[in-house]
C-alpha atoms as a PDB file:
ATOM      1  CA  MET A   1     158.473 141.084  19.648  1.00  0.00           C
ATOM      2  CA  ASN A   2     159.064 139.748  16.154  1.00  0.00           C
ATOM      3  CA  LYS A   3     157.008 137.237  14.157  1.00  0.00           C
ATOM      4  CA  MET A   4     159.225 134.302  15.079  1.00  0.00           C
ATOM      5  CA  ASP A   5     158.772 135.024  18.787  1.00  0.00           C
ATOM      6  CA  LEU A   6     154.991 135.169  18.350  1.00  0.00           C
ATOM      7  CA  LYS A   7     154.997 131.924  16.382  1.00  0.00           C
ATOM      8  CA  GLU A   8     157.127 130.223  19.016  1.00  0.00           C
ATOM      9  CA  ASP A   9     154.913 131.564  21.830  1.00  0.00           C
ATOM     10  CA  LEU A  10     151.770 130.242  20.109  1.00  0.00           C
ATOM     11  CA  HIS A  11     153.393 126.882  19.474  1.00  0.00           C
ATOM     12  CA  ASN A  12     154.507 126.601  23.110  1.00  0.00           C
ATOM     13  CA  TYR A  13     151.063 127.601  24.390  1.00  0.00           C
ATOM     14  CA  LEU A  14     149.247 125.058  22.204  1.00  0.00           C
ATOM     15  CA  ARG A  15     151.738 122.310  23.046  1.00  0.00           C
ATOM     16  CA  GLY A  16     151.336 123.030  26.750  1.00  0.00           C
ATOM     17  CA  ALA A  17     147.552 122.974  26.490  1.00  0.00           C
ATOM     18  CA  ARG A  18     147.616 119.612  24.663  1.00  0.00           C
ATOM     19  CA  GLU A  19     150.092 118.118  27.139  1.00  0.00           C
ATOM     20  CA  THR A  20     147.961 119.270  30.075  1.00  0.00           C
ATOM     21  CA  LEU A  21     144.825 117.762  28.556  1.00  0.00           C
ATOM     22  CA  VAL A  22     146.583 114.429  27.953  1.00  0.00           C
ATOM     23  CA  TRP A  23     148.035 114.511  31.487  1.00  0.00           C
ATOM     24  CA  LYS A  24     144.562 115.021  32.974  1.00  0.00           C
ATOM     25  CA  LEU A  25     143.184 112.069  30.983  1.00  0.00           C
ATOM     26  CA  ASP A  26     146.105 109.703  31.587  1.00  0.00           C
ATOM     27  CA  GLY A  27     145.054 106.644  33.528  1.00  0.00           C
ATOM     28  CA  LEU A  28     141.301 107.230  33.276  1.00  0.00           C
ATOM     29  CA  ASP A  29     139.168 104.356  32.135  1.00  0.00           C
ATOM     30  CA  GLU A  30     136.649 104.429  29.292  1.00  0.00           C
ATOM     31  CA  TYR A  31     133.759 105.174  31.631  1.00  0.00           C
ATOM     32  CA  ASP A  32     135.420 108.217  33.182  1.00  0.00           C
ATOM     33  CA  ILE A  33     136.454 109.656  29.806  1.00  0.00           C
ATOM     34  CA  ARG A  34     132.918 109.359  28.416  1.00  0.00           C
ATOM     35  CA  ARG A  35     130.955 110.146  31.615  1.00  0.00           C
ATOM     36  CA  PRO A  36     128.870 113.324  31.333  1.00  0.00           C
ATOM     37  CA  LEU A  37     130.160 115.953  33.763  1.00  0.00           C
ATOM     38  CA  THR A  38     127.586 118.681  33.208  1.00  0.00           C
ATOM     39  CA  ARG A  39     123.841 118.927  32.709  1.00  0.00           C
ATOM     40  CA  THR A  40     124.488 119.443  28.979  1.00  0.00           C
ATOM     41  CA  GLY A  41     126.353 116.134  28.717  1.00  0.00           C
ATOM     42  CA  THR A  42     129.860 117.537  28.278  1.00  0.00           C
ATOM     43  CA  ASN A  43     132.523 114.913  28.870  1.00  0.00           C
ATOM     44  CA  LEU A  44     136.308 114.738  28.694  1.00  0.00           C
ATOM     45  CA  LEU A  45     136.335 113.023  25.307  1.00  0.00           C
ATOM     46  CA  GLY A  46     134.193 115.873  23.980  1.00  0.00           C
ATOM     47  CA  LEU A  47     136.831 118.358  25.157  1.00  0.00           C
ATOM     48  CA  VAL A  48     139.519 116.423  23.287  1.00  0.00           C
ATOM     49  CA  LYS A  49     137.421 116.402  20.110  1.00  0.00           C
ATOM     50  CA  HIS A  50     136.672 120.116  20.443  1.00  0.00           C
ATOM     51  CA  SER A  51     140.349 120.943  20.948  1.00  0.00           C
ATOM     52  CA  ALA A  52     141.438 118.867  17.936  1.00  0.00           C
ATOM     53  CA  ALA A  53     138.750 120.337  15.677  1.00  0.00           C
ATOM     54  CA  SER A  54     139.595 123.885  16.745  1.00  0.00           C
ATOM     55  CA  HIS A  55     143.297 123.424  16.033  1.00  0.00           C
ATOM     56  CA  PHE A  56     142.542 121.728  12.709  1.00  0.00           C
ATOM     57  CA  ARG A  57     140.185 124.506  11.598  1.00  0.00           C
ATOM     58  CA  TYR A  58     142.484 127.334  12.761  1.00  0.00           C
ATOM     59  CA  PHE A  59     145.612 126.018  11.096  1.00  0.00           C
ATOM     60  CA  GLY A  60     143.695 125.089   7.935  1.00  0.00           C
ATOM     61  CA  ASP A  61     142.504 128.697   7.670  1.00  0.00           C
ATOM     62  CA  VAL A  62     145.926 130.155   8.451  1.00  0.00           C
ATOM     63  CA  PHE A  63     147.783 127.988   5.929  1.00  0.00           C
ATOM     64  CA  GLY A  64     145.053 127.898   3.299  1.00  0.00           C
ATOM     65  CA  ARG A  65     144.424 124.167   3.550  1.00  0.00           C
ATOM     66  CA  THR A  66     140.767 123.347   3.609  1.00  0.00           C
ATOM     67  CA  PRO A  67     139.664 119.919   4.834  1.00  0.00           C
ATOM     68  CA  ASP A  68     138.527 117.422   2.213  1.00  0.00           C
END
């Protein structure tokens, strides 16, 4: 497998994960998105924030772009 295949595989995986997360949240109201689902208070909005921050940090490191 060459570098382009790996890059395309990663891109497809991340796109699929984002699309699945959005699909799961589609149609939920504000209460359901923010409602704690675990004893630690984890909610669906928190998962979205975690996913976005992880992607931002990873790609910033990979491409040498640090957040301001």
